[in-house]
């Protein structure tokens, strides 16, 4: 999975493109949407044959919110893996 920033207009909005694996993006989006510092989160895949997804996040403390979402997902997936 590759991440390339398209725009980083301010500390309150991040826009980036993710290439490669995309199955984790819905849980990632959900984690961010539940964070009180995030006011908007969305992603768009322009075409099924294009291997890129454009992600937009708006809010406060975006960097720490993204880190927390990734950490939470990693923890949940590790717990799930232990069940098998």
Protein backbone atom coordinates (compact mmCIF):
# COMPACT_ATOMS: atom_id res chain seq x y z
CA UNK A 1 0.00 0.00 0.00
CA UNK A 2 1.39 3.38 -1.03
CA UNK A 3 0.22 6.73 0.32
CA UNK A 4 0.87 9.97 -1.56
CA UNK A 5 -0.32 13.35 -0.31
CA UNK A 6 -2.17 15.36 -2.92
CA UNK A 7 -2.79 18.37 -0.74
CA UNK A 8 -2.08 19.24 2.82
CA UNK A 9 -3.73 22.65 2.75
CA UNK A 10 -3.70 23.18 6.46
CA UNK A 11 -3.59 21.35 9.75
CA UNK A 12 -7.37 20.95 9.37
CA UNK A 13 -7.53 19.09 6.02
CA UNK A 14 -5.54 16.21 4.56
CA UNK A 15 -6.04 14.84 1.08
CA UNK A 16 -4.08 11.83 -0.14
CA UNK A 17 -4.17 8.94 -2.61
CA UNK A 18 -3.78 5.34 -1.52
CA UNK A 19 -2.64 2.76 -4.08
CA UNK A 20 -2.76 -0.98 -3.62
CA UNK A 21 -4.70 -2.80 -0.92
CA UNK A 22 -8.02 -1.16 -0.18
CA UNK A 23 -9.98 -3.67 1.92
CA UNK A 24 -8.93 -2.01 5.19
CA UNK A 25 -10.17 1.43 4.14
CA UNK A 26 -13.78 1.05 5.31
CA UNK A 27 -12.78 0.04 8.87
CA UNK A 28 -10.16 2.84 8.83
CA UNK A 29 -12.78 5.37 7.72
CA UNK A 30 -15.18 4.15 10.42
CA UNK A 31 -12.52 4.54 13.15
CA UNK A 32 -11.79 8.08 12.00
CA UNK A 33 -15.49 8.97 11.80
CA UNK A 34 -15.94 7.92 15.44
CA UNK A 35 -13.11 10.22 16.56
CA UNK A 36 -14.41 13.47 18.08
CA UNK A 37 -11.56 15.47 16.48
CA UNK A 38 -12.60 14.46 12.95
CA UNK A 39 -15.46 16.41 11.39
CA UNK A 40 -15.39 14.78 7.92
CA UNK A 41 -13.86 11.67 6.39
CA UNK A 42 -14.49 10.26 2.94
CA UNK A 43 -12.84 8.24 0.23
CA UNK A 44 -13.59 7.81 -3.44
CA UNK A 45 -12.49 5.23 -5.97
CA UNK A 46 -13.04 6.89 -9.35
CA UNK A 47 -13.18 3.66 -11.36
CA UNK A 48 -13.01 -0.08 -10.50
CA UNK A 49 -10.05 -0.62 -12.84
CA UNK A 50 -8.02 2.23 -11.34
CA UNK A 51 -5.94 1.07 -8.39
CA UNK A 52 -6.17 4.35 -6.50
CA UNK A 53 -8.45 5.72 -3.80
CA UNK A 54 -8.63 9.42 -2.89
CA UNK A 55 -9.03 9.96 0.86
CA UNK A 56 -10.07 13.27 2.48
CA UNK A 57 -9.96 13.96 6.21
CA UNK A 58 -11.05 17.21 7.88
CA UNK A 59 -10.85 18.10 11.54
CA UNK A 60 -8.50 18.92 14.39
CA UNK A 61 -5.44 16.88 15.36
CA UNK A 62 -5.59 14.85 12.16
CA UNK A 63 -2.14 13.30 12.54
CA UNK A 64 -2.81 11.97 16.05
CA UNK A 65 -6.29 10.83 15.01
CA UNK A 66 -4.88 8.85 12.07
CA UNK A 67 -2.22 7.29 14.31
CA UNK A 68 -4.87 6.30 16.85
CA UNK A 69 -7.13 4.79 14.19
CA UNK A 70 -4.25 2.72 12.79
CA UNK A 71 -3.21 1.61 16.28
CA UNK A 72 -6.78 0.65 17.21
CA UNK A 73 -7.24 -1.35 14.01
CA UNK A 74 -3.92 -3.11 14.50
CA UNK A 75 -4.91 -4.04 18.05
CA UNK A 76 -8.33 -5.32 16.97
CA UNK A 77 -6.87 -7.39 14.14
CA UNK A 78 -4.22 -8.85 16.44
CA UNK A 79 -6.94 -9.85 18.92
CA UNK A 80 -8.98 -11.38 16.10
CA UNK A 81 -5.98 -13.34 14.81
CA UNK A 82 -5.46 -14.89 18.25
CA UNK A 83 -8.92 -16.44 18.04
CA UNK A 84 -7.85 -18.66 15.15
